[in-house]
Amino acid sequence: MLQRLFRPRQARIAGETLYAGLVDQARRPALYRDLGVADRIDARFELYVLHLSLLLARLKGEGEAGAEIGQAVFDTFVGALDDALRELGVGDLSVAKKMRKLGEAVYGRILGYQKAVEAQDREALSGLLARAVFAEESQTEQASGLVDYTLRMGQALQGMRAEDILRGRVIWPEVLS
């Protein structure tokens, strides 16, 4: 009985593993070197959100198990974000306010990315990425490589076996320029 009580839930383990994989993917040097993403904290954060949105979109169609693991991935993301704010020196009293503001922004981006990727809407995706990742709406041309990458990643995730993803196993494709 005690072993069951202290054994981590499978969904949480899968969620933490999937989150670690998306962070590794978002940190790939080719994203910065070849696709022109600035190596700044805000741009790295935006790439985490982009990969999170792709992963959550893939989990969406996998019923209760997908929803539970998706929630675990999101909870892990929020915990990491909270930790990062504290490490950056944000005081305890300000963390909740900043988390709420960031949460609203993240939710909007996730919905926007998912809608654009699902519709294969390059123009909408380009505008979203230009504003969020490149921090300038006029950078849609610079965002074209990241648009291609995002659409490829979305397709790759959709093509992966549900059993693998639900067990926390995703092999992210290489970044191509």
N, C-alpha and C. Protein backbone atom coordinates (compact mmCIF):
# COMPACT_ATOMS: atom_id res chain seq x y z
N MET A 1 0.82 -1.20 0.00
CA MET A 1 0.00 0.00 0.00
C MET A 1 0.87 1.26 0.00
N LEU A 2 1.90 1.29 0.85
CA LEU A 2 2.77 2.47 0.89
C LEU A 2 3.48 2.70 -0.43
N GLN A 3 3.88 1.61 -1.11
CA GLN A 3 4.54 1.77 -2.40
C GLN A 3 3.62 2.46 -3.40
N ARG A 4 2.35 2.08 -3.42
CA ARG A 4 1.39 2.71 -4.33
C ARG A 4 1.21 4.18 -3.99
N LEU A 5 1.22 4.48 -2.71
CA LEU A 5 1.02 5.85 -2.26
C LEU A 5 2.15 6.76 -2.71
N PHE A 6 3.37 6.25 -2.66
CA PHE A 6 4.53 7.09 -2.96
C PHE A 6 5.03 6.95 -4.40
N ARG A 7 4.44 6.04 -5.17
CA ARG A 7 4.84 5.87 -6.56
C ARG A 7 4.26 7.01 -7.40
N PRO A 8 5.09 7.71 -8.16
CA PRO A 8 4.58 8.81 -8.98
C PRO A 8 3.60 8.28 -10.02
N ARG A 9 2.63 9.07 -10.32
CA ARG A 9 1.64 8.68 -11.32
C ARG A 9 2.30 8.67 -12.69
N GLN A 10 1.90 7.71 -13.51
CA GLN A 10 2.45 7.56 -14.86
C GLN A 10 2.29 8.83 -15.68
N ALA A 11 1.14 9.48 -15.58
CA ALA A 11 0.90 10.69 -16.37
C ALA A 11 1.90 11.78 -16.00
N ARG A 12 2.17 11.91 -14.71
CA ARG A 12 3.13 12.94 -14.29
C ARG A 12 4.52 12.63 -14.82
N ILE A 13 4.90 11.36 -14.75
CA ILE A 13 6.22 10.97 -15.25
C ILE A 13 6.30 11.22 -16.75
N ALA A 14 5.28 10.81 -17.48
CA ALA A 14 5.26 11.04 -18.94
C ALA A 14 5.28 12.54 -19.24
N GLY A 15 4.51 13.31 -18.49
CA GLY A 15 4.47 14.76 -18.69
C GLY A 15 5.81 15.42 -18.46
N GLU A 16 6.49 15.02 -17.40
CA GLU A 16 7.81 15.58 -17.11
C GLU A 16 8.82 15.20 -18.18
N THR A 17 8.73 13.96 -18.65
CA THR A 17 9.65 13.49 -19.70
C THR A 17 9.39 14.24 -21.01
N LEU A 18 8.11 14.39 -21.36
CA LEU A 18 7.78 15.13 -22.59
C LEU A 18 8.21 16.58 -22.49
N TYR A 19 8.04 17.19 -21.32
CA TYR A 19 8.45 18.58 -21.16
C TYR A 19 9.97 18.71 -21.31
N ALA A 20 10.72 17.79 -20.70
CA ALA A 20 12.18 17.83 -20.82
C ALA A 20 12.60 17.71 -22.29
N GLY A 21 11.91 16.86 -23.04
CA GLY A 21 12.22 16.70 -24.46
C GLY A 21 11.92 17.95 -25.27
N LEU A 22 10.81 18.62 -24.96
CA LEU A 22 10.48 19.83 -25.72
C LEU A 22 11.44 20.96 -25.38
N VAL A 23 11.91 21.01 -24.15
CA VAL A 23 12.91 22.01 -23.77
C VAL A 23 14.21 21.76 -24.52
N ASP A 24 14.64 20.49 -24.57
CA ASP A 24 15.85 20.16 -25.32
C ASP A 24 15.71 20.56 -26.79
N GLN A 25 14.55 20.28 -27.37
CA GLN A 25 14.32 20.63 -28.77
C GLN A 25 14.36 22.15 -28.97
N ALA A 26 13.73 22.88 -28.05
CA ALA A 26 13.68 24.34 -28.16
C ALA A 26 15.05 24.99 -27.95
N ARG A 27 15.98 24.23 -27.39
CA ARG A 27 17.33 24.75 -27.16
C ARG A 27 18.32 24.34 -28.25
N ARG A 28 17.84 23.65 -29.26
CA ARG A 28 18.74 23.20 -30.33
C ARG A 28 19.43 24.41 -30.95
N PRO A 29 20.76 24.37 -31.05
CA PRO A 29 21.50 25.51 -31.61
C PRO A 29 21.06 25.90 -33.02
N ALA A 30 20.62 24.95 -33.82
CA ALA A 30 20.22 25.26 -35.20
C ALA A 30 19.04 26.23 -35.25
N LEU A 31 18.18 26.22 -34.25
CA LEU A 31 17.06 27.17 -34.23
C LEU A 31 17.58 28.61 -34.18
N TYR A 32 18.64 28.79 -33.45
CA TYR A 32 19.22 30.13 -33.27
C TYR A 32 20.19 30.45 -34.40
N ARG A 33 21.04 29.51 -34.71
CA ARG A 33 22.07 29.72 -35.72
C ARG A 33 21.49 29.77 -37.13
N ASP A 34 20.64 28.81 -37.48
CA ASP A 34 20.18 28.68 -38.86
C ASP A 34 18.83 29.35 -39.13
N LEU A 35 17.98 29.45 -38.12
CA LEU A 35 16.66 30.03 -38.34
C LEU A 35 16.55 31.46 -37.84
N GLY A 36 17.63 32.00 -37.30
CA GLY A 36 17.68 33.41 -36.96
C GLY A 36 16.99 33.83 -35.68
N VAL A 37 16.67 32.88 -34.81
CA VAL A 37 16.07 33.24 -33.52
C VAL A 37 17.17 33.81 -32.64
N ALA A 38 16.91 34.96 -32.04
CA ALA A 38 17.90 35.59 -31.16
C ALA A 38 18.05 34.76 -29.89
N ASP A 39 19.28 34.59 -29.43
CA ASP A 39 19.53 33.83 -28.21
C ASP A 39 19.35 34.74 -27.01
N ARG A 40 18.07 35.04 -26.74
CA ARG A 40 17.69 35.88 -25.60
C ARG A 40 16.67 35.11 -24.78
N ILE A 41 16.53 35.47 -23.54
CA ILE A 41 15.60 34.77 -22.65
C ILE A 41 14.17 34.81 -23.17
N ASP A 42 13.74 35.94 -23.71
CA ASP A 42 12.36 36.03 -24.19
C ASP A 42 12.14 35.17 -25.43
N ALA A 43 13.11 35.11 -26.32
CA ALA A 43 12.98 34.28 -27.52
C ALA A 43 13.02 32.80 -27.16
N ARG A 44 13.87 32.42 -26.21
CA ARG A 44 13.89 31.02 -25.76
C ARG A 44 12.56 30.64 -25.14
N PHE A 45 12.00 31.52 -24.32
CA PHE A 45 10.68 31.28 -23.72
C PHE A 45 9.64 31.07 -24.82
N GLU A 46 9.67 31.90 -25.84
CA GLU A 46 8.69 31.79 -26.93
C GLU A 46 8.84 30.46 -27.67
N LEU A 47 10.06 29.96 -27.81
CA LEU A 47 10.24 28.66 -28.45
C LEU A 47 9.71 27.54 -27.56
N TYR A 48 9.84 27.68 -26.24
CA TYR A 48 9.24 26.69 -25.33
C TYR A 48 7.73 26.66 -25.54
N VAL A 49 7.13 27.83 -25.60
CA VAL A 49 5.67 27.92 -25.78
C VAL A 49 5.27 27.32 -27.13
N LEU A 50 6.03 27.59 -28.18
CA LEU A 50 5.74 27.04 -29.49
C LEU A 50 5.74 25.51 -29.45
N HIS A 51 6.79 24.93 -28.89
CA HIS A 51 6.89 23.47 -28.81
C HIS A 51 5.81 22.89 -27.90
N LEU A 52 5.52 23.60 -26.82
CA LEU A 52 4.45 23.17 -25.92
C LEU A 52 3.12 23.12 -26.67
N SER A 53 2.85 24.12 -27.48
CA SER A 53 1.58 24.16 -28.21
C SER A 53 1.47 23.00 -29.19
N LEU A 54 2.57 22.66 -29.86
CA LEU A 54 2.57 21.54 -30.80
C LEU A 54 2.32 20.22 -30.08
N LEU A 55 2.97 20.06 -28.95
CA LEU A 55 2.80 18.82 -28.18
C LEU A 55 1.39 18.70 -27.61
N LEU A 56 0.87 19.80 -27.08
CA LEU A 56 -0.49 19.77 -26.53
C LEU A 56 -1.52 19.49 -27.63
N ALA A 57 -1.29 20.03 -28.82
CA ALA A 57 -2.19 19.76 -29.94
C ALA A 57 -2.19 18.27 -30.28
N ARG A 58 -1.03 17.65 -30.22
CA ARG A 58 -0.94 16.21 -30.52
C ARG A 58 -1.66 15.38 -29.45
N LEU A 59 -1.53 15.79 -28.20
CA LEU A 59 -2.15 15.04 -27.11
C LEU A 59 -3.66 15.22 -27.07
N LYS A 60 -4.14 16.31 -27.66
CA LYS A 60 -5.55 16.66 -27.61
C LYS A 60 -6.47 15.54 -28.10
N GLY A 61 -6.06 14.83 -29.11
CA GLY A 61 -6.92 13.81 -29.70
C GLY A 61 -6.80 12.43 -29.07
N GLU A 62 -6.15 12.33 -27.93
CA GLU A 62 -5.87 11.02 -27.33
C GLU A 62 -6.71 10.73 -26.09
N GLY A 63 -7.91 11.28 -26.05
CA GLY A 63 -8.85 10.96 -24.99
C GLY A 63 -8.40 11.38 -23.60
N GLU A 64 -8.87 10.64 -22.61
CA GLU A 64 -8.60 10.97 -21.21
C GLU A 64 -7.11 10.87 -20.89
N ALA A 65 -6.44 9.85 -21.42
CA ALA A 65 -5.01 9.70 -21.17
C ALA A 65 -4.23 10.88 -21.74
N GLY A 66 -4.58 11.29 -22.95
CA GLY A 66 -3.92 12.44 -23.57
C GLY A 66 -4.16 13.72 -22.79
N ALA A 67 -5.40 13.89 -22.31
CA ALA A 67 -5.72 15.09 -21.53
C ALA A 67 -4.94 15.11 -20.21
N GLU A 68 -4.83 13.96 -19.57
CA GLU A 68 -4.11 13.89 -18.30
C GLU A 68 -2.63 14.16 -18.49
N ILE A 69 -2.06 13.60 -19.53
CA ILE A 69 -0.63 13.82 -19.80
C ILE A 69 -0.40 15.25 -20.27
N GLY A 70 -1.31 15.77 -21.08
CA GLY A 70 -1.20 17.16 -21.50
C GLY A 70 -1.22 18.11 -20.31
N GLN A 71 -2.08 17.82 -19.35
CA GLN A 71 -2.13 18.63 -18.14
C GLN A 71 -0.83 18.52 -17.35
N ALA A 72 -0.27 17.31 -17.32
CA ALA A 72 1.00 17.11 -16.61
C ALA A 72 2.13 17.88 -17.29
N VAL A 73 2.14 17.89 -18.62
CA VAL A 73 3.16 18.67 -19.36
C VAL A 73 3.00 20.15 -19.03
N PHE A 74 1.76 20.63 -19.09
CA PHE A 74 1.50 22.04 -18.83
C PHE A 74 1.86 22.40 -17.39
N ASP A 75 1.51 21.54 -16.43
CA ASP A 75 1.85 21.80 -15.03
C ASP A 75 3.36 21.86 -14.83
N THR A 76 4.08 21.00 -15.52
CA THR A 76 5.54 21.01 -15.43
C THR A 76 6.09 22.32 -16.00
N PHE A 77 5.52 22.76 -17.11
CA PHE A 77 5.91 24.04 -17.72
C PHE A 77 5.68 25.19 -16.74
N VAL A 78 4.50 25.22 -16.14
CA VAL A 78 4.17 26.30 -15.20
C VAL A 78 5.12 26.27 -13.99
N GLY A 79 5.41 25.07 -13.48
CA GLY A 79 6.35 24.96 -12.36
C GLY A 79 7.74 25.47 -12.74
N ALA A 80 8.18 25.13 -13.93
CA ALA A 80 9.50 25.60 -14.40
C ALA A 80 9.51 27.11 -14.58
N LEU A 81 8.40 27.65 -15.06
CA LEU A 81 8.28 29.10 -15.24
C LEU A 81 8.32 29.81 -13.88
N ASP A 82 7.61 29.28 -12.92
CA ASP A 82 7.62 29.83 -11.56
C ASP A 82 9.04 29.81 -11.00
N ASP A 83 9.72 28.68 -11.14
CA ASP A 83 11.10 28.56 -10.66
C ASP A 83 12.01 29.58 -11.34
N ALA A 84 11.85 29.73 -12.66
CA ALA A 84 12.70 30.67 -13.42
C ALA A 84 12.49 32.10 -12.95
N LEU A 85 11.24 32.47 -12.70
CA LEU A 85 10.97 33.83 -12.21
C LEU A 85 11.65 34.06 -10.86
N ARG A 86 11.57 33.10 -10.01
CA ARG A 86 12.19 33.24 -8.68
C ARG A 86 13.72 33.33 -8.80
N GLU A 87 14.28 32.52 -9.73
CA GLU A 87 15.73 32.59 -9.94
C GLU A 87 16.17 33.93 -10.51
N LEU A 88 15.27 34.56 -11.27
CA LEU A 88 15.57 35.88 -11.84
C LEU A 88 15.41 36.99 -10.80
N GLY A 89 14.99 36.62 -9.60
CA GLY A 89 14.90 37.60 -8.53
C GLY A 89 13.53 38.21 -8.32
N VAL A 90 12.51 37.67 -8.96
CA VAL A 90 11.16 38.17 -8.74
C VAL A 90 10.73 37.76 -7.34
N GLY A 91 10.26 38.70 -6.56
CA GLY A 91 9.86 38.43 -5.18
C GLY A 91 8.59 37.60 -5.09
N ASP A 92 8.44 36.94 -3.95
CA ASP A 92 7.28 36.07 -3.73
C ASP A 92 5.96 36.77 -3.97
N LEU A 93 5.86 38.02 -3.57
CA LEU A 93 4.60 38.74 -3.71
C LEU A 93 4.29 39.08 -5.17
N SER A 94 5.31 39.20 -5.98
CA SER A 94 5.12 39.56 -7.38
C SER A 94 4.95 38.35 -8.30
N VAL A 95 5.39 37.17 -7.85
CA VAL A 95 5.36 35.99 -8.71
C VAL A 95 3.95 35.69 -9.19
N ALA A 96 2.98 35.72 -8.29
CA ALA A 96 1.60 35.37 -8.67
C ALA A 96 1.07 36.32 -9.75
N LYS A 97 1.35 37.61 -9.59
CA LYS A 97 0.90 38.59 -10.58
C LYS A 97 1.55 38.35 -11.94
N LYS A 98 2.86 38.11 -11.93
CA LYS A 98 3.59 37.87 -13.17
C LYS A 98 3.14 36.56 -13.81
N MET A 99 2.90 35.54 -12.99
CA MET A 99 2.46 34.24 -13.51
C MET A 99 1.10 34.38 -14.19
N ARG A 100 0.22 35.15 -13.60
CA ARG A 100 -1.10 35.33 -14.20
C ARG A 100 -0.98 36.01 -15.57
N LYS A 101 -0.19 37.06 -15.61
CA LYS A 101 0.00 37.79 -16.86
C LYS A 101 0.65 36.90 -17.93
N LEU A 102 1.68 36.14 -17.54
CA LEU A 102 2.34 35.23 -18.47
C LEU A 102 1.39 34.11 -18.89
N GLY A 103 0.60 33.61 -17.96
CA GLY A 103 -0.36 32.55 -18.25
C GLY A 103 -1.35 32.96 -19.32
N GLU A 104 -1.85 34.17 -19.23
CA GLU A 104 -2.80 34.67 -20.23
C GLU A 104 -2.13 34.78 -21.60
N ALA A 105 -0.90 35.26 -21.61
CA ALA A 105 -0.16 35.39 -22.88
C ALA A 105 0.12 34.01 -23.48
N VAL A 106 0.53 33.08 -22.63
CA VAL A 106 0.85 31.72 -23.10
C VAL A 106 -0.40 31.06 -23.67
N TYR A 107 -1.50 31.18 -22.97
CA TYR A 107 -2.74 30.56 -23.43
C TYR A 107 -3.15 31.11 -24.80
N GLY A 108 -3.04 32.41 -24.98
CA GLY A 108 -3.37 33.01 -26.27
C GLY A 108 -2.45 32.53 -27.38
N ARG A 109 -1.18 32.43 -27.09
CA ARG A 109 -0.22 31.96 -28.09
C ARG A 109 -0.49 30.50 -28.46
N ILE A 110 -0.73 29.67 -27.44
CA ILE A 110 -1.00 28.26 -27.71
C ILE A 110 -2.20 28.12 -28.65
N LEU A 111 -3.27 28.81 -28.35
CA LEU A 111 -4.46 28.74 -29.20
C LEU A 111 -4.16 29.24 -30.62
N GLY A 112 -3.44 30.34 -30.71
CA GLY A 112 -3.10 30.89 -32.02
C GLY A 112 -2.23 29.95 -32.84
N TYR A 113 -1.18 29.41 -32.22
CA TYR A 113 -0.30 28.48 -32.92
C TYR A 113 -1.07 27.24 -33.36
N GLN A 114 -1.86 26.68 -32.45
CA GLN A 114 -2.59 25.46 -32.79
C GLN A 114 -3.56 25.69 -33.95
N LYS A 115 -4.25 26.80 -33.92
CA LYS A 115 -5.21 27.11 -34.99
C LYS A 115 -4.48 27.27 -36.32
N ALA A 116 -3.38 28.00 -36.33
CA ALA A 116 -2.63 28.25 -37.56
C ALA A 116 -2.01 26.96 -38.10
N VAL A 117 -1.46 26.13 -37.22
CA VAL A 117 -0.83 24.89 -37.66
C VAL A 117 -1.89 23.93 -38.18
N GLU A 118 -2.99 23.81 -37.47
CA GLU A 118 -4.07 22.91 -37.90
C GLU A 118 -4.59 23.30 -39.29
N ALA A 119 -4.71 24.60 -39.53
CA ALA A 119 -5.20 25.09 -40.82
C ALA A 119 -4.08 25.19 -41.87
N GLN A 120 -2.83 24.91 -41.46
CA GLN A 120 -1.67 25.07 -42.34
C GLN A 120 -1.64 26.49 -42.91
N ASP A 121 -1.98 27.46 -42.07
CA ASP A 121 -2.06 28.86 -42.46
C ASP A 121 -0.70 29.53 -42.25
N ARG A 122 0.11 29.50 -43.30
CA ARG A 122 1.47 30.05 -43.23
C ARG A 122 1.47 31.53 -42.87
N GLU A 123 0.54 32.28 -43.44
CA GLU A 123 0.50 33.72 -43.21
C GLU A 123 0.20 34.04 -41.75
N ALA A 124 -0.81 33.39 -41.19
CA ALA A 124 -1.15 33.62 -39.78
C ALA A 124 -0.01 33.18 -38.87
N LEU A 125 0.57 32.02 -39.16
CA LEU A 125 1.67 31.51 -38.35
C LEU A 125 2.88 32.43 -38.44
N SER A 126 3.15 32.94 -39.63
CA SER A 126 4.26 33.86 -39.82
C SER A 126 4.08 35.13 -38.98
N GLY A 127 2.87 35.66 -38.98
CA GLY A 127 2.60 36.85 -38.17
C GLY A 127 2.74 36.59 -36.69
N LEU A 128 2.23 35.45 -36.24
CA LEU A 128 2.35 35.09 -34.82
C LEU A 128 3.81 34.93 -34.40
N LEU A 129 4.57 34.21 -35.20
CA LEU A 129 5.98 33.97 -34.87
C LEU A 129 6.80 35.25 -34.96
N ALA A 130 6.49 36.10 -35.94
CA ALA A 130 7.22 37.37 -36.07
C ALA A 130 7.02 38.21 -34.82
N ARG A 131 5.78 38.30 -34.35
CA ARG A 131 5.50 39.10 -33.14
C ARG A 131 6.09 38.48 -31.89
N ALA A 132 5.89 37.18 -31.72
CA ALA A 132 6.27 36.55 -30.46
C ALA A 132 7.76 36.23 -30.39
N VAL A 133 8.28 35.55 -31.39
CA VAL A 133 9.67 35.07 -31.34
C VAL A 133 10.66 36.14 -31.78
N PHE A 134 10.32 36.86 -32.87
CA PHE A 134 11.23 37.85 -33.39
C PHE A 134 10.94 39.25 -32.87
N ALA A 135 9.89 39.37 -32.05
CA ALA A 135 9.52 40.60 -31.35
C ALA A 135 9.25 41.78 -32.28
N GLU A 136 8.86 41.48 -33.51
CA GLU A 136 8.54 42.57 -34.43
C GLU A 136 7.64 42.04 -35.53
N GLU A 137 6.50 42.65 -35.68
CA GLU A 137 5.51 42.20 -36.66
C GLU A 137 6.04 42.26 -38.09
N SER A 138 6.96 43.15 -38.34
CA SER A 138 7.48 43.31 -39.70
C SER A 138 8.48 42.21 -40.07
N GLN A 139 8.79 41.32 -39.16
CA GLN A 139 9.79 40.28 -39.40
C GLN A 139 9.21 39.00 -40.00
N THR A 140 8.08 39.11 -40.71
CA THR A 140 7.45 37.90 -41.24
C THR A 140 8.36 37.16 -42.23
N GLU A 141 9.17 37.88 -42.98
CA GLU A 141 10.08 37.21 -43.91
C GLU A 141 11.14 36.43 -43.15
N GLN A 142 11.67 37.02 -42.09
CA GLN A 142 12.66 36.34 -41.26
C GLN A 142 12.04 35.11 -40.60
N ALA A 143 10.76 35.15 -40.34
CA ALA A 143 10.08 34.05 -39.66
C ALA A 143 9.79 32.88 -40.58
N SER A 144 10.02 33.01 -41.88
CA SER A 144 9.61 31.95 -42.82
C SER A 144 10.28 30.61 -42.53
N GLY A 145 11.55 30.62 -42.15
CA GLY A 145 12.23 29.36 -41.80
C GLY A 145 11.61 28.72 -40.58
N LEU A 146 11.24 29.54 -39.61
CA LEU A 146 10.61 29.01 -38.40
C LEU A 146 9.19 28.53 -38.70
N VAL A 147 8.52 29.14 -39.65
CA VAL A 147 7.20 28.68 -40.08
C VAL A 147 7.33 27.28 -40.68
N ASP A 148 8.28 27.10 -41.59
CA ASP A 148 8.51 25.78 -42.20
C ASP A 148 8.79 24.74 -41.11
N TYR A 149 9.67 25.09 -40.20
CA TYR A 149 10.04 24.20 -39.10
C TYR A 149 8.80 23.83 -38.27
N THR A 150 8.00 24.81 -37.93
CA THR A 150 6.81 24.59 -37.09
C THR A 150 5.82 23.66 -37.78
N LEU A 151 5.58 23.89 -39.04
CA LEU A 151 4.64 23.03 -39.77
C LEU A 151 5.18 21.60 -39.89
N ARG A 152 6.49 21.46 -40.11
CA ARG A 152 7.12 20.13 -40.15
C ARG A 152 7.00 19.43 -38.81
N MET A 153 7.24 20.18 -37.72
CA MET A 153 7.16 19.58 -36.38
C MET A 153 5.73 19.13 -36.09
N GLY A 154 4.77 19.96 -36.45
CA GLY A 154 3.36 19.60 -36.24
C GLY A 154 3.00 18.32 -36.97
N GLN A 155 3.44 18.21 -38.22
CA GLN A 155 3.17 17.00 -39.00
C GLN A 155 3.89 15.79 -38.42
N ALA A 156 5.13 15.99 -38.00
CA ALA A 156 5.90 14.89 -37.42
C ALA A 156 5.23 14.36 -36.15
N LEU A 157 4.77 15.27 -35.30
CA LEU A 157 4.10 14.84 -34.07
C LEU A 157 2.80 14.11 -34.38
N GLN A 158 2.05 14.61 -35.36
CA GLN A 158 0.79 13.95 -35.73
C GLN A 158 1.04 12.54 -36.27
N GLY A 159 2.19 12.33 -36.87
CA GLY A 159 2.51 11.02 -37.43
C GLY A 159 3.08 10.02 -36.45
N MET A 160 3.35 10.46 -35.23
CA MET A 160 3.93 9.56 -34.22
C MET A 160 2.85 8.70 -33.58
N ARG A 161 3.26 7.52 -33.18
CA ARG A 161 2.33 6.58 -32.54
C ARG A 161 1.86 7.13 -31.20
N ALA A 162 0.56 7.06 -30.98
CA ALA A 162 -0.03 7.55 -29.73
C ALA A 162 0.57 6.83 -28.53
N GLU A 163 0.79 5.54 -28.64
CA GLU A 163 1.32 4.76 -27.50
C GLU A 163 2.67 5.32 -27.04
N ASP A 164 3.50 5.68 -28.01
CA ASP A 164 4.82 6.22 -27.67
C ASP A 164 4.68 7.56 -26.94
N ILE A 165 3.87 8.44 -27.49
CA ILE A 165 3.70 9.77 -26.90
C ILE A 165 3.10 9.65 -25.50
N LEU A 166 2.12 8.78 -25.33
CA LEU A 166 1.48 8.62 -24.02
C LEU A 166 2.43 8.02 -22.99
N ARG A 167 3.50 7.41 -23.46
CA ARG A 167 4.52 6.88 -22.54
C ARG A 167 5.67 7.88 -22.34
N GLY A 168 5.52 9.06 -22.96
CA GLY A 168 6.53 10.10 -22.79
C GLY A 168 7.66 10.03 -23.79
N ARG A 169 7.46 9.31 -24.88
CA ARG A 169 8.53 9.15 -25.88
C ARG A 169 8.18 9.90 -27.15
N VAL A 170 8.91 10.95 -27.39
CA VAL A 170 8.80 11.71 -28.63
C VAL A 170 10.21 11.89 -29.17
N ILE A 171 10.37 11.56 -30.43
CA ILE A 171 11.66 11.82 -31.09
C ILE A 171 11.43 13.03 -31.98
N TRP A 172 11.97 14.15 -31.54
CA TRP A 172 11.80 15.38 -32.29
C TRP A 172 12.73 15.33 -33.50
N PRO A 173 12.20 15.66 -34.67
CA PRO A 173 13.04 15.68 -35.88
C PRO A 173 14.13 16.76 -35.79
N GLU A 174 15.11 16.60 -36.64
CA GLU A 174 16.19 17.58 -36.73
C GLU A 174 15.66 18.92 -37.21
N VAL A 175 16.35 19.97 -36.83
CA VAL A 175 16.03 21.31 -37.31
C VAL A 175 16.71 21.48 -38.66
N LEU A 176 15.92 21.76 -39.68
CA LEU A 176 16.47 21.98 -41.02
C LEU A 176 16.31 23.44 -41.38
N SER A 177 17.32 24.02 -41.99
CA SER A 177 17.21 25.42 -42.39
C SER A 177 16.70 25.55 -43.79
